[in-house]
């Protein structure tokens, strides 16, 4: 049997250690460094969502309402959803539907109240249009209300005033103050 010179032992040991190191480098999963960037959430905001669509049936089963928005910011502690570019559609079984658009809005999840703000335009399926800067929809009593200046345009009239209340169940609306009504067309001249 041949003797291995003592000088090759350290070289073999170094080679063996390099083999073990290479084995662990290629077989052990790599840890990836993740850069921590600042979140674009505002303080108190728990979630930001794009292209939101939410619908809900009325409790009495007679229709539903649908909410769409380009962006939603969910504020966790206050149970408020802040919305941008809002579209609200109110449908009933009797084929009466209303659409309301606004630049911004807030949906209060606990109370079911939706506030639309900024260039708010509401339209009914039977030809009526409401223009204002703020409109509140209350899901519980199915009503729409504002204290801001409004304009209501119908097939043969235009009403301007301060404040508005619409009861969607009874199909009645009331302009609250400073009412100016203009009747148009040939309806009264026959």
N, C-alpha and C. Protein backbone atom coordinates (compact mmCIF):
# COMPACT_ATOMS: atom_id res chain seq x y z
N UNK A 1 0.82 -1.15 0.00
CA UNK A 1 0.00 0.00 0.00
C UNK A 1 0.89 1.24 0.00
N UNK A 2 0.41 2.16 -0.78
CA UNK A 2 1.18 3.38 -0.93
C UNK A 2 0.79 4.40 0.12
N UNK A 3 1.71 5.15 0.56
CA UNK A 3 1.45 6.20 1.53
C UNK A 3 1.12 7.50 0.81
N UNK A 4 0.14 8.22 1.30
CA UNK A 4 -0.22 9.52 0.73
C UNK A 4 0.63 10.56 1.47
N UNK A 5 1.29 11.40 0.71
CA UNK A 5 2.13 12.39 1.38
C UNK A 5 1.27 13.34 2.24
N UNK A 6 1.87 13.79 3.33
CA UNK A 6 1.18 14.65 4.29
C UNK A 6 0.81 16.00 3.69
N UNK A 7 1.46 16.44 2.70
CA UNK A 7 1.20 17.72 2.07
C UNK A 7 -0.14 17.74 1.33
N UNK A 8 -0.64 16.61 0.86
CA UNK A 8 -1.91 16.56 0.14
C UNK A 8 -3.12 16.57 1.07
N UNK A 9 -2.94 16.28 2.34
CA UNK A 9 -4.06 16.30 3.28
C UNK A 9 -4.71 17.68 3.40
N UNK A 10 -3.96 18.75 3.56
CA UNK A 10 -4.60 20.07 3.64
C UNK A 10 -5.31 20.44 2.33
N UNK A 11 -4.75 20.07 1.19
CA UNK A 11 -5.37 20.39 -0.09
C UNK A 11 -6.68 19.61 -0.23
N UNK A 12 -6.69 18.35 0.15
CA UNK A 12 -7.91 17.54 0.11
C UNK A 12 -8.96 18.10 1.06
N UNK A 13 -8.53 18.58 2.24
CA UNK A 13 -9.46 19.16 3.21
C UNK A 13 -10.11 20.43 2.68
N UNK A 14 -9.29 21.29 2.02
CA UNK A 14 -9.82 22.53 1.43
C UNK A 14 -10.81 22.19 0.32
N UNK A 15 -10.46 21.22 -0.53
CA UNK A 15 -11.33 20.80 -1.62
C UNK A 15 -12.65 20.26 -1.07
N UNK A 16 -12.59 19.45 0.00
CA UNK A 16 -13.79 18.90 0.64
C UNK A 16 -14.68 20.02 1.19
N UNK A 17 -14.11 21.03 1.83
CA UNK A 17 -14.88 22.15 2.37
C UNK A 17 -15.53 22.98 1.25
N UNK A 18 -14.82 23.15 0.14
CA UNK A 18 -15.39 23.88 -0.99
C UNK A 18 -16.58 23.13 -1.59
N UNK A 19 -16.50 21.80 -1.64
CA UNK A 19 -17.60 20.98 -2.15
C UNK A 19 -18.84 21.11 -1.24
N UNK A 20 -18.64 21.09 0.07
CA UNK A 20 -19.77 21.24 1.01
C UNK A 20 -20.39 22.63 0.86
N UNK A 21 -19.56 23.67 0.74
CA UNK A 21 -20.07 25.04 0.59
C UNK A 21 -20.87 25.17 -0.71
N UNK A 22 -20.36 24.59 -1.80
CA UNK A 22 -21.07 24.64 -3.08
C UNK A 22 -22.39 23.91 -2.99
N UNK A 23 -22.43 22.77 -2.30
CA UNK A 23 -23.67 22.01 -2.13
C UNK A 23 -24.73 22.87 -1.45
N UNK A 24 -24.35 23.55 -0.36
CA UNK A 24 -25.31 24.37 0.38
C UNK A 24 -25.72 25.61 -0.40
N UNK A 25 -24.83 26.16 -1.19
CA UNK A 25 -25.19 27.35 -1.98
C UNK A 25 -26.23 27.03 -3.04
N UNK A 26 -26.16 25.87 -3.65
CA UNK A 26 -27.08 25.53 -4.74
C UNK A 26 -28.33 24.78 -4.29
N UNK A 27 -28.30 24.13 -3.15
CA UNK A 27 -29.45 23.34 -2.69
C UNK A 27 -30.34 24.06 -1.70
N UNK A 28 -29.85 24.99 -0.93
CA UNK A 28 -30.63 25.70 0.08
C UNK A 28 -31.40 26.82 -0.62
N UNK A 29 -32.69 27.01 -0.29
CA UNK A 29 -33.47 28.08 -0.93
C UNK A 29 -32.85 29.44 -0.65
N UNK A 30 -32.93 30.29 -1.65
CA UNK A 30 -32.34 31.62 -1.54
C UNK A 30 -33.30 32.58 -0.87
N UNK A 31 -32.79 33.42 -0.06
CA UNK A 31 -33.59 34.49 0.54
C UNK A 31 -33.50 35.70 -0.37
N UNK A 32 -34.63 36.22 -0.77
CA UNK A 32 -34.66 37.35 -1.69
C UNK A 32 -34.80 38.62 -0.85
N UNK A 33 -34.02 39.58 -1.18
CA UNK A 33 -34.11 40.87 -0.50
C UNK A 33 -35.29 41.64 -1.09
N UNK A 34 -36.21 42.07 -0.26
CA UNK A 34 -37.35 42.84 -0.70
C UNK A 34 -37.13 44.27 -0.26
N UNK A 35 -37.21 45.17 -1.22
CA UNK A 35 -37.02 46.56 -0.87
C UNK A 35 -38.28 47.07 -0.20
N UNK A 36 -38.12 47.78 0.84
CA UNK A 36 -39.30 48.32 1.54
C UNK A 36 -39.56 49.71 1.00
N UNK A 37 -40.69 49.85 0.31
CA UNK A 37 -41.09 51.15 -0.20
C UNK A 37 -42.24 51.65 0.65
N UNK A 38 -42.41 52.92 0.69
CA UNK A 38 -43.51 53.47 1.47
C UNK A 38 -44.82 53.20 0.77
N UNK A 39 -45.83 52.88 1.53
CA UNK A 39 -47.15 52.59 0.99
C UNK A 39 -47.84 53.89 0.61
N UNK A 40 -48.71 53.84 -0.39
CA UNK A 40 -49.44 55.04 -0.78
C UNK A 40 -50.80 55.11 -0.08
N UNK A 41 -50.96 54.41 1.02
CA UNK A 41 -52.17 54.50 1.83
C UNK A 41 -52.05 55.70 2.76
N UNK A 42 -53.15 56.40 2.96
CA UNK A 42 -53.16 57.51 3.90
C UNK A 42 -53.31 56.95 5.31
N UNK A 43 -52.90 57.71 6.33
CA UNK A 43 -53.03 57.20 7.69
C UNK A 43 -54.48 56.86 8.03
N UNK A 44 -54.69 55.71 8.64
CA UNK A 44 -56.02 55.24 9.00
C UNK A 44 -56.70 54.43 7.91
N UNK A 45 -56.08 54.37 6.74
CA UNK A 45 -56.65 53.64 5.61
C UNK A 45 -56.14 52.20 5.66
N UNK A 46 -57.06 51.25 5.52
CA UNK A 46 -56.63 49.86 5.59
C UNK A 46 -56.58 49.18 4.24
N UNK A 47 -57.25 49.75 3.23
CA UNK A 47 -57.27 49.11 1.92
C UNK A 47 -57.62 50.13 0.85
N UNK A 48 -56.98 50.00 -0.30
CA UNK A 48 -57.27 50.85 -1.46
C UNK A 48 -57.57 49.91 -2.62
N UNK A 49 -58.74 50.10 -3.27
CA UNK A 49 -59.20 49.21 -4.32
C UNK A 49 -59.57 50.04 -5.55
N UNK A 50 -59.31 49.48 -6.74
CA UNK A 50 -59.70 50.14 -7.99
C UNK A 50 -60.85 49.38 -8.64
N UNK A 51 -61.65 50.10 -9.44
CA UNK A 51 -62.77 49.53 -10.18
C UNK A 51 -63.69 48.71 -9.28
N UNK A 52 -64.38 49.39 -8.40
CA UNK A 52 -65.25 48.78 -7.41
C UNK A 52 -66.67 48.64 -7.95
N UNK A 53 -67.30 47.52 -7.68
CA UNK A 53 -68.71 47.31 -8.00
C UNK A 53 -69.34 46.58 -6.82
N UNK A 54 -70.42 47.16 -6.28
CA UNK A 54 -71.08 46.59 -5.11
C UNK A 54 -72.58 46.74 -5.32
N UNK A 55 -73.34 45.68 -5.10
CA UNK A 55 -74.79 45.78 -5.22
C UNK A 55 -75.44 45.08 -4.04
N UNK A 56 -76.66 45.52 -3.75
CA UNK A 56 -77.39 44.96 -2.61
C UNK A 56 -78.88 45.06 -2.89
N UNK A 57 -79.62 44.02 -2.51
CA UNK A 57 -81.07 44.02 -2.64
C UNK A 57 -81.68 44.81 -1.49
N UNK A 58 -82.83 45.44 -1.77
CA UNK A 58 -83.56 46.09 -0.69
C UNK A 58 -84.11 45.02 0.24
N UNK A 59 -84.34 45.40 1.50
CA UNK A 59 -84.84 44.43 2.49
C UNK A 59 -86.20 43.86 2.11
N UNK A 60 -87.04 44.66 1.49
CA UNK A 60 -88.38 44.18 1.13
C UNK A 60 -88.38 43.36 -0.16
N UNK A 61 -87.22 43.20 -0.80
CA UNK A 61 -87.11 42.39 -2.00
C UNK A 61 -87.60 43.06 -3.26
N UNK A 62 -87.93 44.33 -3.19
CA UNK A 62 -88.46 45.06 -4.34
C UNK A 62 -87.37 45.91 -4.98
N UNK A 63 -86.43 45.27 -5.62
CA UNK A 63 -85.37 45.99 -6.32
C UNK A 63 -84.04 45.91 -5.61
N UNK A 64 -83.08 46.64 -6.15
CA UNK A 64 -81.75 46.66 -5.56
C UNK A 64 -81.07 47.97 -5.90
N UNK A 65 -79.94 48.21 -5.24
CA UNK A 65 -79.11 49.34 -5.60
C UNK A 65 -77.71 48.84 -5.91
N UNK A 66 -77.04 49.56 -6.80
CA UNK A 66 -75.72 49.16 -7.26
C UNK A 66 -74.79 50.37 -7.22
N UNK A 67 -73.60 50.15 -6.70
CA UNK A 67 -72.62 51.22 -6.55
C UNK A 67 -71.37 50.85 -7.33
N UNK A 68 -70.89 51.77 -8.16
CA UNK A 68 -69.64 51.57 -8.89
C UNK A 68 -68.75 52.78 -8.63
N UNK A 69 -67.43 52.54 -8.57
CA UNK A 69 -66.48 53.62 -8.38
C UNK A 69 -65.15 53.22 -9.00
N UNK A 70 -64.42 54.22 -9.49
CA UNK A 70 -63.11 53.93 -10.06
C UNK A 70 -62.10 53.61 -8.97
N UNK A 71 -62.29 54.16 -7.78
CA UNK A 71 -61.34 53.96 -6.70
C UNK A 71 -62.05 54.03 -5.37
N UNK A 72 -61.64 53.18 -4.43
CA UNK A 72 -62.22 53.18 -3.08
C UNK A 72 -61.11 53.08 -2.06
N UNK A 73 -61.22 53.88 -1.01
CA UNK A 73 -60.29 53.85 0.11
C UNK A 73 -61.10 53.45 1.34
N UNK A 74 -60.80 52.30 1.90
CA UNK A 74 -61.55 51.81 3.05
C UNK A 74 -60.85 52.28 4.32
N UNK A 75 -61.57 53.06 5.11
CA UNK A 75 -61.06 53.59 6.37
C UNK A 75 -61.54 52.67 7.48
N UNK A 76 -60.64 51.87 8.01
CA UNK A 76 -60.97 50.76 8.90
C UNK A 76 -61.69 51.19 10.17
N UNK A 77 -61.13 52.12 10.89
CA UNK A 77 -61.69 52.46 12.21
C UNK A 77 -63.06 53.12 12.13
N UNK A 78 -63.30 53.91 11.10
CA UNK A 78 -64.56 54.64 11.04
C UNK A 78 -65.63 53.93 10.21
N UNK A 79 -65.33 52.79 9.60
CA UNK A 79 -66.29 52.04 8.78
C UNK A 79 -66.82 52.87 7.62
N UNK A 80 -65.95 53.74 7.07
CA UNK A 80 -66.30 54.59 5.93
C UNK A 80 -65.49 54.15 4.73
N UNK A 81 -66.15 54.12 3.57
CA UNK A 81 -65.45 53.86 2.31
C UNK A 81 -65.49 55.16 1.51
N UNK A 82 -64.31 55.76 1.27
CA UNK A 82 -64.21 56.98 0.47
C UNK A 82 -64.08 56.58 -0.99
N UNK A 83 -64.91 57.18 -1.85
CA UNK A 83 -65.00 56.76 -3.26
C UNK A 83 -64.64 57.91 -4.19
N UNK A 84 -64.14 57.55 -5.39
CA UNK A 84 -63.86 58.53 -6.44
C UNK A 84 -64.56 58.08 -7.72
N UNK A 85 -65.08 59.06 -8.48
CA UNK A 85 -65.83 58.80 -9.71
C UNK A 85 -66.92 57.77 -9.45
N UNK A 86 -67.95 58.21 -8.75
CA UNK A 86 -69.00 57.33 -8.23
C UNK A 86 -70.21 57.28 -9.16
N UNK A 87 -70.78 56.09 -9.29
CA UNK A 87 -72.01 55.87 -10.05
C UNK A 87 -72.92 55.02 -9.18
N UNK A 88 -74.11 55.52 -8.89
CA UNK A 88 -75.07 54.82 -8.04
C UNK A 88 -76.34 54.60 -8.86
N UNK A 89 -76.81 53.35 -8.91
CA UNK A 89 -78.05 53.02 -9.63
C UNK A 89 -79.04 52.44 -8.64
N UNK A 90 -80.24 53.01 -8.62
CA UNK A 90 -81.32 52.57 -7.73
C UNK A 90 -82.42 51.98 -8.59
N UNK A 91 -82.68 50.69 -8.45
CA UNK A 91 -83.71 50.00 -9.24
C UNK A 91 -84.83 49.54 -8.34
N UNK A 92 -86.04 49.53 -8.90
CA UNK A 92 -87.18 48.96 -8.18
C UNK A 92 -87.89 47.98 -9.10
N UNK A 93 -88.78 47.18 -8.52
CA UNK A 93 -89.52 46.19 -9.29
C UNK A 93 -90.42 46.85 -10.32
N UNK A 94 -90.91 48.04 -10.02
CA UNK A 94 -91.84 48.73 -10.90
C UNK A 94 -91.16 49.40 -12.09
N UNK A 95 -89.95 49.03 -12.41
CA UNK A 95 -89.19 49.53 -13.55
C UNK A 95 -88.82 51.01 -13.41
N UNK A 96 -88.93 51.57 -12.22
CA UNK A 96 -88.45 52.92 -11.99
C UNK A 96 -86.99 52.81 -11.56
N UNK A 97 -86.11 53.42 -12.31
CA UNK A 97 -84.70 53.39 -11.93
C UNK A 97 -84.15 54.80 -11.93
N UNK A 98 -83.18 55.00 -11.08
CA UNK A 98 -82.51 56.28 -10.94
C UNK A 98 -81.01 56.02 -11.00
N UNK A 99 -80.29 56.87 -11.69
CA UNK A 99 -78.84 56.81 -11.69
C UNK A 99 -78.32 58.14 -11.17
N UNK A 100 -77.30 58.08 -10.34
CA UNK A 100 -76.71 59.27 -9.76
C UNK A 100 -75.20 59.16 -9.93
N UNK A 101 -74.59 60.23 -10.45
CA UNK A 101 -73.14 60.26 -10.63
C UNK A 101 -72.57 61.42 -9.84
N UNK A 102 -71.37 61.20 -9.29
CA UNK A 102 -70.67 62.25 -8.57
C UNK A 102 -69.17 62.08 -8.67
N UNK A 103 -68.44 63.17 -8.47
CA UNK A 103 -66.98 63.10 -8.53
C UNK A 103 -66.40 62.32 -7.36
N UNK A 104 -66.99 62.47 -6.19
CA UNK A 104 -66.52 61.79 -4.97
C UNK A 104 -67.72 61.29 -4.19
N UNK A 105 -67.44 60.43 -3.23
CA UNK A 105 -68.52 59.94 -2.38
C UNK A 105 -68.00 59.25 -1.15
N UNK A 106 -68.87 59.08 -0.19
CA UNK A 106 -68.58 58.34 1.04
C UNK A 106 -69.70 57.35 1.27
N UNK A 107 -69.34 56.10 1.54
CA UNK A 107 -70.31 55.06 1.87
C UNK A 107 -70.11 54.70 3.33
N UNK A 108 -71.12 54.93 4.14
CA UNK A 108 -71.08 54.61 5.57
C UNK A 108 -71.66 53.21 5.73
N UNK A 109 -70.80 52.23 5.98
CA UNK A 109 -71.21 50.82 5.95
C UNK A 109 -72.21 50.48 7.04
N UNK A 110 -72.09 51.03 8.22
CA UNK A 110 -73.01 50.68 9.31
C UNK A 110 -74.41 51.23 9.09
N UNK A 111 -74.51 52.48 8.65
CA UNK A 111 -75.83 53.11 8.50
C UNK A 111 -76.42 52.91 7.10
N UNK A 112 -75.61 52.54 6.11
CA UNK A 112 -76.11 52.37 4.75
C UNK A 112 -76.32 53.68 4.03
N UNK A 113 -75.69 54.75 4.51
CA UNK A 113 -75.85 56.07 3.90
C UNK A 113 -74.73 56.28 2.88
N UNK A 114 -75.08 56.84 1.71
CA UNK A 114 -74.12 57.15 0.67
C UNK A 114 -74.22 58.64 0.38
N UNK A 115 -73.09 59.33 0.47
CA UNK A 115 -73.05 60.76 0.18
C UNK A 115 -72.25 60.95 -1.11
N UNK A 116 -72.85 61.60 -2.09
CA UNK A 116 -72.19 61.91 -3.36
C UNK A 116 -71.90 63.40 -3.40
N UNK A 117 -70.67 63.75 -3.85
CA UNK A 117 -70.24 65.15 -3.83
C UNK A 117 -69.62 65.54 -5.17
N UNK A 118 -69.72 66.82 -5.50
CA UNK A 118 -69.03 67.38 -6.66
C UNK A 118 -69.71 67.07 -7.97
N UNK A 119 -70.34 68.04 -8.59
CA UNK A 119 -71.02 67.88 -9.88
C UNK A 119 -71.91 66.63 -9.89
N UNK A 120 -72.83 66.57 -8.96
CA UNK A 120 -73.72 65.43 -8.84
C UNK A 120 -74.88 65.59 -9.83
N UNK A 121 -75.08 64.55 -10.64
CA UNK A 121 -76.19 64.54 -11.60
C UNK A 121 -76.96 63.25 -11.41
N UNK A 122 -78.27 63.40 -11.17
CA UNK A 122 -79.15 62.25 -11.03
C UNK A 122 -80.16 62.23 -12.16
N UNK A 123 -80.43 61.04 -12.69
CA UNK A 123 -81.40 60.90 -13.78
C UNK A 123 -82.36 59.77 -13.46
N UNK A 124 -83.62 59.98 -13.83
CA UNK A 124 -84.62 58.92 -13.66
C UNK A 124 -84.91 58.32 -15.03
N UNK A 125 -85.45 57.10 -15.02
CA UNK A 125 -85.77 56.41 -16.27
C UNK A 125 -86.90 57.10 -17.03
N UNK A 126 -87.72 57.88 -16.32
CA UNK A 126 -88.84 58.53 -16.99
C UNK A 126 -88.57 60.00 -17.34
N UNK A 127 -87.29 60.39 -17.43
CA UNK A 127 -86.94 61.68 -18.01
C UNK A 127 -86.68 62.84 -17.09
N UNK A 128 -86.49 62.64 -15.81
CA UNK A 128 -86.21 63.73 -14.89
C UNK A 128 -84.71 63.75 -14.57
N UNK A 129 -84.18 64.97 -14.35
CA UNK A 129 -82.76 65.10 -14.04
C UNK A 129 -82.59 66.06 -12.87
N UNK A 130 -81.68 65.71 -11.95
CA UNK A 130 -81.35 66.54 -10.79
C UNK A 130 -79.88 66.93 -10.90
N UNK A 131 -79.58 68.21 -10.65
CA UNK A 131 -78.20 68.69 -10.63
C UNK A 131 -77.96 69.41 -9.32
N UNK A 132 -76.87 69.06 -8.63
CA UNK A 132 -76.52 69.68 -7.36
C UNK A 132 -75.04 69.40 -7.07
N UNK A 133 -74.57 69.86 -5.91
CA UNK A 133 -73.17 69.62 -5.55
C UNK A 133 -73.03 68.56 -4.46
N UNK A 134 -74.14 68.18 -3.82
CA UNK A 134 -74.10 67.17 -2.76
C UNK A 134 -75.46 66.48 -2.68
N UNK A 135 -75.44 65.15 -2.59
CA UNK A 135 -76.68 64.38 -2.52
C UNK A 135 -76.47 63.22 -1.57
N UNK A 136 -77.43 62.98 -0.70
CA UNK A 136 -77.34 61.90 0.29
C UNK A 136 -78.43 60.87 0.00
N UNK A 137 -78.02 59.60 -0.15
CA UNK A 137 -78.97 58.49 -0.31
C UNK A 137 -78.96 57.68 0.98
N UNK A 138 -80.16 57.48 1.53
CA UNK A 138 -80.30 56.68 2.76
C UNK A 138 -80.99 55.38 2.40
N UNK A 139 -80.28 54.30 2.60
CA UNK A 139 -80.79 52.98 2.23
C UNK A 139 -81.98 52.56 3.09
N UNK A 140 -81.96 52.88 4.39
CA UNK A 140 -83.00 52.41 5.30
C UNK A 140 -84.39 52.91 4.91
N UNK A 141 -84.50 54.21 4.62
CA UNK A 141 -85.83 54.73 4.27
C UNK A 141 -85.97 55.03 2.77
N UNK A 142 -84.99 54.61 1.97
CA UNK A 142 -85.01 54.78 0.52
C UNK A 142 -85.35 56.22 0.14
N UNK A 143 -84.50 57.13 0.60
CA UNK A 143 -84.71 58.54 0.32
C UNK A 143 -83.42 59.18 -0.20
N UNK A 144 -83.59 60.29 -0.91
CA UNK A 144 -82.49 61.09 -1.41
C UNK A 144 -82.71 62.51 -0.90
N UNK A 145 -81.63 63.15 -0.41
CA UNK A 145 -81.80 64.47 0.21
C UNK A 145 -80.55 65.31 0.02
N UNK A 146 -80.77 66.64 -0.02
CA UNK A 146 -79.67 67.60 -0.01
C UNK A 146 -80.18 68.92 0.55
N UNK A 147 -79.26 69.72 1.09
CA UNK A 147 -79.57 71.08 1.51
C UNK A 147 -78.90 72.10 0.59
N UNK A 148 -78.21 71.63 -0.42
CA UNK A 148 -77.50 72.47 -1.38
C UNK A 148 -78.45 72.97 -2.47
N UNK A 149 -78.06 74.03 -3.20
CA UNK A 149 -78.87 74.48 -4.33
C UNK A 149 -79.03 73.36 -5.36
N UNK A 150 -80.22 73.26 -5.93
CA UNK A 150 -80.53 72.18 -6.87
C UNK A 150 -81.22 72.73 -8.11
N UNK A 151 -81.21 71.91 -9.14
CA UNK A 151 -82.00 72.16 -10.34
C UNK A 151 -82.61 70.83 -10.74
N UNK A 152 -83.94 70.80 -10.91
CA UNK A 152 -84.65 69.62 -11.37
C UNK A 152 -85.25 69.96 -12.72
N UNK A 153 -84.94 69.15 -13.73
CA UNK A 153 -85.45 69.38 -15.07
C UNK A 153 -86.29 68.17 -15.45
N UNK A 154 -87.53 68.45 -15.89
CA UNK A 154 -88.44 67.40 -16.32
C UNK A 154 -88.84 67.58 -17.76
N UNK A 155 -89.76 66.76 -18.24
CA UNK A 155 -90.18 66.84 -19.65
C UNK A 155 -90.79 68.19 -20.03
N UNK A 156 -91.45 68.87 -19.09
CA UNK A 156 -92.09 70.14 -19.44
C UNK A 156 -91.86 71.23 -18.40
N UNK A 157 -90.94 71.06 -17.46
CA UNK A 157 -90.70 72.07 -16.45
C UNK A 157 -89.24 72.06 -15.98
N UNK A 158 -88.89 73.14 -15.28
CA UNK A 158 -87.59 73.24 -14.61
C UNK A 158 -87.83 73.89 -13.25
N UNK A 159 -87.27 73.28 -12.20
CA UNK A 159 -87.41 73.80 -10.84
C UNK A 159 -86.02 74.04 -10.28
N UNK A 160 -85.83 75.24 -9.71
CA UNK A 160 -84.58 75.55 -9.03
C UNK A 160 -84.91 75.95 -7.61
N UNK A 161 -84.00 75.65 -6.68
CA UNK A 161 -84.23 76.00 -5.29
C UNK A 161 -83.09 75.54 -4.40
N UNK A 162 -83.32 75.67 -3.11
CA UNK A 162 -82.32 75.27 -2.12
C UNK A 162 -82.86 74.05 -1.37
N UNK A 163 -82.19 72.94 -1.53
CA UNK A 163 -82.56 71.73 -0.81
C UNK A 163 -83.60 70.90 -1.54
N UNK A 164 -83.56 69.60 -1.28
CA UNK A 164 -84.45 68.68 -1.96
C UNK A 164 -84.61 67.44 -1.09
N UNK A 165 -85.81 66.89 -1.09
CA UNK A 165 -86.07 65.60 -0.44
C UNK A 165 -86.91 64.75 -1.38
N UNK A 166 -86.43 63.52 -1.66
CA UNK A 166 -87.17 62.60 -2.52
C UNK A 166 -87.40 61.31 -1.74
N UNK A 167 -88.67 60.91 -1.65
CA UNK A 167 -89.03 59.62 -1.06
C UNK A 167 -89.25 58.65 -2.21
N UNK A 168 -88.34 57.72 -2.38
CA UNK A 168 -88.42 56.79 -3.51
C UNK A 168 -89.55 55.78 -3.35
N UNK A 169 -89.97 55.50 -2.12
CA UNK A 169 -91.08 54.55 -1.90
C UNK A 169 -92.39 55.13 -2.39
N UNK A 170 -92.67 56.37 -2.01
CA UNK A 170 -93.94 57.00 -2.37
C UNK A 170 -93.86 57.81 -3.67
N UNK A 171 -92.67 57.92 -4.23
CA UNK A 171 -92.44 58.64 -5.49
C UNK A 171 -92.82 60.11 -5.39
N UNK A 172 -92.46 60.73 -4.28
CA UNK A 172 -92.73 62.15 -4.08
C UNK A 172 -91.42 62.89 -3.87
N UNK A 173 -91.38 64.14 -4.40
CA UNK A 173 -90.20 64.95 -4.12
C UNK A 173 -90.64 66.35 -3.71
N UNK A 174 -89.77 66.98 -2.93
CA UNK A 174 -90.07 68.30 -2.39
C UNK A 174 -88.82 69.15 -2.45
N UNK A 175 -88.94 70.35 -3.02
CA UNK A 175 -87.87 71.33 -2.99
C UNK A 175 -88.09 72.15 -1.72
N UNK A 176 -87.08 72.31 -0.89
CA UNK A 176 -87.26 72.85 0.47
C UNK A 176 -87.47 74.36 0.53
N UNK A 177 -86.63 75.17 -0.16
CA UNK A 177 -86.72 76.63 -0.02
C UNK A 177 -86.39 77.32 -1.33
N UNK A 178 -86.75 78.61 -1.40
CA UNK A 178 -86.41 79.49 -2.51
C UNK A 178 -86.71 78.84 -3.86
N UNK A 179 -87.93 78.40 -4.03
CA UNK A 179 -88.33 77.64 -5.22
C UNK A 179 -88.68 78.58 -6.36
N UNK A 180 -88.13 78.27 -7.54
CA UNK A 180 -88.46 78.99 -8.77
C UNK A 180 -88.78 77.93 -9.83
N UNK A 181 -90.03 77.96 -10.33
CA UNK A 181 -90.47 76.95 -11.28
C UNK A 181 -90.73 77.60 -12.64
N UNK A 182 -90.26 76.94 -13.69
CA UNK A 182 -90.50 77.38 -15.06
C UNK A 182 -91.21 76.26 -15.78
N UNK A 183 -92.39 76.57 -16.37
CA UNK A 183 -93.14 75.57 -17.12
C UNK A 183 -92.89 75.85 -18.60
N UNK A 184 -92.54 74.79 -19.34
CA UNK A 184 -92.18 74.94 -20.74
C UNK A 184 -93.12 74.13 -21.62
N UNK A 185 -93.21 74.48 -22.89
CA UNK A 185 -93.96 73.68 -23.85
C UNK A 185 -95.39 74.13 -24.02
N UNK A 186 -96.15 73.33 -24.75
CA UNK A 186 -97.52 73.65 -25.09
C UNK A 186 -98.53 72.88 -24.25
N UNK A 187 -98.14 72.37 -23.14
CA UNK A 187 -99.00 71.54 -22.32
C UNK A 187 -100.23 72.32 -21.84
N UNK A 188 -100.03 73.59 -21.41
CA UNK A 188 -101.13 74.36 -20.83
C UNK A 188 -101.89 75.20 -21.86
N UNK A 189 -101.48 75.19 -23.11
CA UNK A 189 -102.12 76.04 -24.12
C UNK A 189 -103.15 75.31 -24.96
N UNK A 190 -103.54 74.15 -24.67
CA UNK A 190 -104.50 73.39 -25.48
C UNK A 190 -105.90 73.73 -25.12
